[in-house]
Amino acid sequence: MNNVNKTLYIPLYGKAYVSKKGIILHDSIAEKIWSKEGFELKGKSKSKWLAYYMAMRSAIYDEWVKQEIAYNSNTVVLHIGCGMDSRIKRVGIEDVHWYDIDFPDVIEERLKYYSETSFYHMLSADMRTDKWKSSIEHNRNAIVILEGVSMYFQPEELITLLSDISQYFNSVKLLMDCYTERAAKASKYKNPINDVGVTVVYGYDDPQELAVKTGYKFEKEHCMTPQKYIDELQGIEKNVYKNLFAGKIAKSLYRMYEFKKV
């Protein structure tokens, strides 16, 4: 695996960590995979505070996907940069065509733990090319998840990807988390992903500008650290997390944007 792909172990560890503690989200598959495949993380990548953050982020995506599918069951789900995530199991979706998409070496790892069905598909693809299109029916509505991957696309690559998705499907609902430009610049010197060798990432401060360039309407910004998840932390951890890792501090570094194309 290259260094970018190795970053998948950071959220995997976070989900396994909170699942064992019985908070934020239940993910027995993350626990299982981490116990077998996880390598030794170092520095901030193994921080419990980062684990809480990764788990909260995933829980927000889970809730959003369930809500969007409830509104429109006649859709396909594209989980781009899926890593080893078990979202389809966590949200309990069985009758919607779901595509977990990642680089070939990542999908090869996934095949050890997941099996395809008539509705669930694993797609080996570099989303910087348009070859993925031949594997997914285009005259459909789409729900698109871009969790923890936007920062690894160069700006022109991300614009091309979002534009291609917008043009390919009848309608699109898309949720993505992004570094701010400030965070992207600082990441060269201080970021947990440095621990697996990644130093160059990209950030976005203006979702309206991104929407205009890619054919979407910017819908809203989601809170990355909801109080209901912070409340699941115990004792002093709750206050420390709220004061140091949530609210305005989090927003200055990390944002989550929802887009729509109809």
Protein backbone atom coordinates (compact mmCIF):
# COMPACT_ATOMS: atom_id res chain seq x y z
CA MET A 1 0.00 0.00 0.00
CA ASN A 2 1.19 3.52 -0.75
CA ASN A 3 1.28 6.15 1.99
CA VAL A 4 -2.08 7.71 1.12
CA ASN A 5 -3.78 4.33 1.26
CA LYS A 6 -2.17 3.61 4.62
CA THR A 7 -4.12 6.54 6.08
CA LEU A 8 -7.16 4.22 6.08
CA TYR A 9 -5.77 2.63 9.25
CA ILE A 10 -6.21 5.85 11.23
CA PRO A 11 -10.05 5.98 11.03
CA LEU A 12 -10.17 2.18 11.25
CA TYR A 13 -8.34 2.36 14.56
CA GLY A 14 -10.64 5.16 15.74
CA LYS A 15 -13.79 3.17 15.02
CA ALA A 16 -12.38 0.04 16.61
CA TYR A 17 -11.33 2.02 19.67
CA VAL A 18 -14.73 3.61 20.35
CA SER A 19 -16.58 0.42 19.49
CA LYS A 20 -14.66 -1.45 22.18
CA LYS A 21 -15.57 1.32 24.63
CA GLY A 22 -19.25 1.09 23.63
CA ILE A 23 -19.61 4.74 22.63
CA ILE A 24 -20.46 6.81 19.53
CA LEU A 25 -20.82 3.90 17.11
CA HIS A 26 -20.82 0.11 17.19
CA ASP A 27 -18.44 -1.44 14.67
CA SER A 28 -17.50 -5.03 15.43
CA ILE A 29 -16.04 -5.40 11.93
CA ALA A 30 -13.58 -2.54 12.58
CA GLU A 31 -12.59 -4.28 15.79
CA LYS A 32 -12.02 -7.55 13.94
CA ILE A 33 -10.05 -6.03 11.06
CA TRP A 34 -7.92 -3.89 13.34
CA SER A 35 -6.99 -6.88 15.48
CA LYS A 36 -5.75 -8.71 12.37
CA GLU A 37 -4.51 -6.03 9.97
CA GLY A 38 -3.69 -2.97 12.04
CA PHE A 39 -0.07 -1.97 12.25
CA GLU A 40 1.55 0.03 15.00
CA LEU A 41 0.43 3.64 14.80
CA LYS A 42 2.61 6.28 16.35
CA GLY A 43 2.35 9.88 17.46
CA LYS A 44 -1.00 11.64 17.18
CA SER A 45 -2.42 8.99 14.84
CA LYS A 46 -3.08 6.77 17.87
CA SER A 47 -4.50 9.59 20.02
CA LYS A 48 -7.80 8.81 21.73
CA TRP A 49 -8.92 12.36 20.88
CA LEU A 50 -8.41 11.68 17.20
CA ALA A 51 -10.20 8.34 17.60
CA TYR A 52 -13.22 10.16 19.01
CA TYR A 53 -13.10 12.63 16.13
CA MET A 54 -12.89 9.91 13.47
CA ALA A 55 -15.79 8.04 15.07
CA MET A 56 -17.98 11.14 15.29
CA ARG A 57 -17.28 11.91 11.65
CA SER A 58 -18.30 8.40 10.63
CA ALA A 59 -21.43 8.51 12.75
CA ILE A 60 -22.52 11.75 11.03
CA TYR A 61 -22.08 10.11 7.62
CA ASP A 62 -24.03 7.05 8.78
CA GLU A 63 -26.98 9.15 9.89
CA TRP A 64 -26.94 11.19 6.69
CA VAL A 65 -26.86 8.14 4.41
CA LYS A 66 -29.77 6.48 6.23
CA GLN A 67 -31.79 9.67 5.98
CA GLU A 68 -31.10 10.17 2.28
CA ILE A 69 -31.96 6.57 1.42
CA ALA A 70 -35.20 6.88 3.39
CA TYR A 71 -36.11 9.86 1.19
CA ASN A 72 -35.22 8.07 -2.04
CA SER A 73 -34.82 4.30 -2.19
CA ASN A 74 -34.45 4.44 -6.00
CA THR A 75 -30.81 5.37 -5.82
CA VAL A 76 -27.25 4.11 -5.87
CA VAL A 77 -24.71 4.81 -3.15
CA LEU A 78 -21.10 5.59 -4.03
CA HIS A 79 -18.69 5.40 -1.09
CA ILE A 80 -15.52 6.83 -2.60
CA GLY A 81 -12.31 6.03 -0.77
CA CYS A 82 -14.07 3.43 1.37
CA GLY A 83 -10.91 1.98 2.89
CA MET A 84 -11.91 -0.86 5.21
CA ASP A 85 -15.04 0.89 6.42
CA SER A 86 -18.16 -1.19 7.20
CA ARG A 87 -20.72 1.56 6.72
CA ILE A 88 -23.09 -0.61 4.70
CA LYS A 89 -23.25 -2.99 7.68
CA ARG A 90 -23.63 -0.21 10.25
CA VAL A 91 -26.54 1.42 8.44
CA GLY A 92 -28.21 -1.91 7.61
CA ILE A 93 -28.84 -1.31 3.92
CA GLU A 94 -29.55 -4.45 1.91
CA ASP A 95 -31.77 -3.51 -1.06
CA VAL A 96 -29.98 -0.48 -2.54
CA HIS A 97 -27.11 -0.78 -5.00
CA TRP A 98 -24.05 0.23 -3.00
CA TYR A 99 -20.56 0.68 -4.43
CA ASP A 100 -17.55 0.73 -2.10
CA ILE A 101 -14.79 2.24 -4.24
CA ASP A 102 -11.06 2.44 -3.64
CA PHE A 103 -7.68 1.67 -5.17
CA PRO A 104 -7.03 -1.95 -6.21
CA ASP A 105 -4.70 -2.78 -3.30
CA VAL A 106 -7.30 -1.53 -0.83
CA ILE A 107 -10.11 -3.51 -2.44
CA GLU A 108 -7.85 -6.57 -2.38
CA GLU A 109 -7.62 -6.16 1.39
CA ARG A 110 -11.40 -5.65 1.67
CA LEU A 111 -12.06 -8.94 -0.09
CA LYS A 112 -10.64 -10.73 2.96
CA TYR A 113 -13.54 -9.47 5.05
CA TYR A 114 -16.42 -8.54 2.74
CA SER A 115 -18.37 -10.41 0.07
CA GLU A 116 -20.27 -8.93 -2.82
CA THR A 117 -23.99 -9.56 -3.31
CA SER A 118 -26.51 -8.66 -5.99
CA PHE A 119 -26.75 -5.21 -4.35
CA TYR A 120 -23.34 -4.74 -2.72
CA HIS A 121 -20.35 -4.12 -5.01
CA MET A 122 -16.66 -3.42 -4.45
CA LEU A 123 -15.07 -1.44 -7.25
CA SER A 124 -11.32 -1.14 -7.83
CA ALA A 125 -10.82 2.27 -9.36
CA ASP A 126 -8.70 5.38 -9.41
CA MET A 127 -11.35 8.08 -9.23
CA ARG A 128 -8.98 10.53 -10.90
CA THR A 129 -9.86 8.76 -14.15
CA ASP A 130 -13.33 8.20 -15.61
CA LYS A 131 -13.05 4.41 -15.99
CA TRP A 132 -15.35 3.89 -12.98
CA LYS A 133 -18.31 5.04 -15.05
CA SER A 134 -18.47 1.86 -17.09
CA SER A 135 -19.25 -0.13 -13.92
CA ILE A 136 -22.19 1.94 -12.66
CA GLU A 137 -25.50 2.56 -14.42
CA HIS A 138 -25.68 6.25 -15.19
CA ASN A 139 -29.41 7.06 -15.47
CA ARG A 140 -29.95 6.85 -11.72
CA ASN A 141 -30.05 9.05 -8.66
CA ALA A 142 -26.89 8.92 -6.56
CA ILE A 143 -25.88 9.39 -2.93
CA VAL A 144 -22.17 10.10 -2.78
CA ILE A 145 -19.93 9.79 0.28
CA LEU A 146 -16.50 11.43 0.24
CA GLU A 147 -15.27 10.74 3.75
CA GLY A 148 -11.68 11.57 4.54
CA VAL A 149 -10.51 11.72 0.93
CA SER A 150 -11.04 15.21 -0.51
CA MET A 151 -7.74 16.43 0.93
CA TYR A 152 -5.75 13.93 -1.14
CA PHE A 153 -7.12 15.13 -4.49
CA GLN A 154 -5.38 18.04 -6.13
CA PRO A 155 -7.95 20.87 -6.56
CA GLU A 156 -8.32 20.34 -10.30
CA GLU A 157 -8.74 16.58 -9.73
CA LEU A 158 -11.50 17.12 -7.17
CA ILE A 159 -13.30 19.59 -9.43
CA THR A 160 -13.14 17.10 -12.30
CA LEU A 161 -14.44 14.25 -10.13
CA LEU A 162 -17.36 16.23 -8.71
CA SER A 163 -18.23 17.56 -12.16
CA ASP A 164 -18.16 14.07 -13.68
CA ILE A 165 -20.46 12.75 -10.97
CA SER A 166 -22.84 15.67 -11.43
CA GLN A 167 -23.05 15.09 -15.17
CA TYR A 168 -23.26 11.30 -14.97
CA PHE A 169 -26.28 10.88 -12.69
CA ASN A 170 -29.84 12.19 -12.88
CA SER A 171 -29.58 13.72 -9.42
CA VAL A 172 -26.90 13.71 -6.73
CA LYS A 173 -26.73 14.25 -3.00
CA LEU A 174 -23.13 14.51 -1.88
CA LEU A 175 -21.48 14.88 1.52
CA MET A 176 -17.78 15.55 1.92
CA ASP A 177 -15.42 16.63 4.67
CA CYS A 178 -12.56 18.98 3.86
CA TYR A 179 -9.55 20.52 5.47
CA THR A 180 -9.61 24.29 5.56
CA GLU A 181 -6.84 26.00 3.61
CA ARG A 182 -5.19 26.87 6.92
CA ALA A 183 -5.23 23.25 8.05
CA ALA A 184 -3.88 22.02 4.72
CA LYS A 185 -0.91 24.37 4.95
CA ALA A 186 -0.22 23.38 8.55
CA SER A 187 -0.50 19.67 7.72
CA LYS A 188 2.95 19.69 6.19
CA TYR A 189 4.33 20.15 9.68
CA LYS A 190 1.74 18.78 12.10
CA ASN A 191 -0.89 16.21 11.19
CA PRO A 192 -1.50 12.58 12.25
CA ILE A 193 -1.27 11.54 8.59
CA ASN A 194 2.41 12.55 8.72
CA ASP A 195 2.90 9.40 10.77
CA VAL A 196 2.21 7.28 7.68
CA GLY A 197 4.28 9.49 5.39
CA VAL A 198 1.70 11.92 3.94
CA THR A 199 2.68 15.60 3.97
CA VAL A 200 0.87 17.19 1.00
CA VAL A 201 -2.88 17.77 1.25
CA TYR A 202 -5.39 20.37 0.04
CA GLY A 203 -8.09 22.45 1.71
CA TYR A 204 -11.23 24.39 0.79
CA ASP A 205 -12.76 27.38 2.55
CA ASP A 206 -15.54 28.36 0.13
CA PRO A 207 -18.16 25.67 -0.59
CA GLN A 208 -20.15 28.10 -2.75
CA GLU A 209 -17.19 28.50 -5.10
CA LEU A 210 -16.72 24.73 -5.25
CA ALA A 211 -20.43 24.29 -6.04
CA VAL A 212 -20.35 26.79 -8.90
CA LYS A 213 -17.31 25.14 -10.46
CA THR A 214 -18.79 21.64 -10.33
CA GLY A 215 -22.49 22.02 -11.11
CA TYR A 216 -23.99 21.67 -7.64
CA LYS A 217 -25.96 23.73 -5.20
CA PHE A 218 -24.37 24.11 -1.78
CA GLU A 219 -26.97 22.88 0.69
CA LYS A 220 -25.49 23.32 4.15
CA GLU A 221 -22.57 22.76 6.47
CA HIS A 222 -22.72 19.94 9.02
CA CYS A 223 -21.30 20.13 12.52
CA MET A 224 -18.35 17.76 12.86
CA THR A 225 -18.58 17.45 16.64
CA PRO A 226 -22.27 17.19 17.67
CA GLN A 227 -22.96 17.65 21.36
CA LYS A 228 -24.87 14.36 21.54
CA TYR A 229 -21.65 12.46 20.74
CA ILE A 230 -19.52 14.57 23.05
CA ASP A 231 -22.00 13.70 25.81
CA GLU A 232 -21.09 10.03 25.37
CA LEU A 233 -17.59 10.74 26.63
CA GLN A 234 -17.03 10.25 30.33
CA GLY A 235 -15.79 12.49 33.11
CA ILE A 236 -13.03 14.94 32.37
CA GLU A 237 -12.70 13.66 28.80
CA LYS A 238 -16.01 15.32 27.92
CA ASN A 239 -14.83 18.76 29.03
CA VAL A 240 -11.38 18.39 27.52
CA TYR A 241 -12.80 17.34 24.16
CA LYS A 242 -15.42 20.09 24.11
CA ASN A 243 -12.91 22.81 24.98
CA LEU A 244 -9.97 21.68 22.88
CA PHE A 245 -11.30 19.66 19.94
CA ALA A 246 -14.84 20.85 19.16
CA GLY A 247 -16.76 23.94 18.14
CA LYS A 248 -14.88 26.88 16.62
CA ILE A 249 -11.53 25.18 16.99
CA ALA A 250 -12.65 22.19 14.91
CA LYS A 251 -14.35 24.42 12.34
CA SER A 252 -11.19 26.42 11.80
CA LEU A 253 -9.44 23.26 10.64
CA TYR A 254 -12.04 20.84 9.32
CA ARG A 255 -15.42 21.34 7.63
CA MET A 256 -18.20 19.12 6.29
CA TYR A 257 -20.21 20.30 3.27
CA GLU A 258 -23.40 18.95 1.71
CA PHE A 259 -24.12 19.52 -1.98
CA LYS A 260 -27.07 18.77 -4.22
CA LYS A 261 -27.56 18.44 -7.93
CA VAL A 262 -31.06 18.01 -9.36
